[in-house]
């Protein structure tokens, strides 16, 4: 699916076999995650429908679904807008992320196969290439894929099921975090800890990474609030 917000007709209606409303929802969610629609952006049904080449109904249904996921909120006399992450949102999401990623990393260290580890190393290679070429979209996608793969390496189906409804918002958080070179180095060290087979070392890196990211997002949120005009 295309993520160009200002290109009418760029959305591929025949891209896959999901219901249209689900594909529109996924596209809008990804645009929010990619910061194509930054916080505070009004989501106008007619404009989005024209951009995607669809009717207003799947757009309206998608906006409602994204509101239930926490990506959108409705403001009187303004309509639907992309939500700002509140301090409480950030703290709660990182609480969940810390707990589940530490557990996933511990289990991944003892359960991941050599083939699975090669796949994750390939994701890191993609991230390195995107970093070197300055491709922010590809880098963001690789970073998200890295976190998703850590969950898969745990071979814990229940853990993946519990986290699935939060993945979109966690991806949103991942796009907010700090220096991309530092992030790549952290991911690389985290991966090597998992590949070493040490559950303790893997958990230590997962916790350190999540806590560093939490501090970065806290600072970014504080800066945004400071820049925001007073009511």
Foldseek 3Di string as FASTA:
>chain_A
DDQQLQAFQPADQPPDDDPSLVSLLVNVLVNDLVVVADFFRQDDQVSNCRRNVHHSVSVVVSLVVVVVLVQWDQDPPRGITGHDQDPVNLVVVLVVQLVLLLLLLLLLLAQADPVLLVVLVVLLVQLVVCVVVVPLVSNLVSLLVNSVSSNVSSVPVVSCVVCVSVSSVVSSLVSQFDDSVVVSVLSVLLSVQSPVSHSVSNSVSSNVSSVNSSVSVVVVSVVVVVPDDDD
